[in-house]
Amino acid sequence: MALDRRSTLGLTVLGLLAAEPMHAYRIQKLIKDYGKDRVVNVRQRASVYQAIERLLKLGLIRAEAVDRAAGRPERTTYAITDAGRATARSWIKEMLATTGAEFPEFPVGLSFLTMLTPDEAVAELEIRAAGVDAQLAEMATALEGSAGVARIFLVEEEYQQALLVAEQRWLRGLIADLRGGAITWTDEWLRRQAADFAAKQEEEQS
């Protein structure tokens, strides 16, 4: 994690430490309690500890104290440094203003959809649609449980919900078009399309 390379998990750790110094276990707990695990990839148990180590090496956080209470594992309390606070602010500004920097897998899969049959495509897209439905239901429950929480602390949830609602609508439309035959393909049709494209490219280059 170089200083000029943004990190979503690194920013999450810095953001939590900006509120108060804390140890790694509390950072992990707050990521879950605050719902940050829905916007940051923390699937690997060691991810937070690895992020802390990188932030330490970069001088963005520091070890403030070590708790050696009897009968409990040793715990180090970390605090954000001035460099860490400045870096976090810089990353936030870049993340808010920058577009086109993310390359999720789903659009890539869509771009090669014709390697499947239309029926296979429908089957996989229905699985995704069911997953989106489940995510929206989970998010609705989480937002309902946040009654009384200031909206500023929920804006990332609102954004994720808006994206999922849009994807849900789009998926249903695409599945309906595939089922109804408005969008379809065969191996012969694909070969003709490829030949036509190659001929057009050759004509443009001649």
Foldseek 3Di string as FASTA:
>chain_A
DDLPDDAPLLLLLLVVLVVDWAWQVVSVVVCVVLVVVVVHPPVDVCVSVVSVVVCVVVQQKHFDDWDDDPPDDITTIIHGDPSNVVSSVVSVVCVVPDPDPDDDDVVVCVVPVVVDFLVVSLVVLVVVLVVLVVVLVVLVVVVVVCPPPDCVSCVVSVVVNVVSVVVNVVSVVVSVCSVVVVDGDDPVRVVVVVVVVVVVVVVVVD
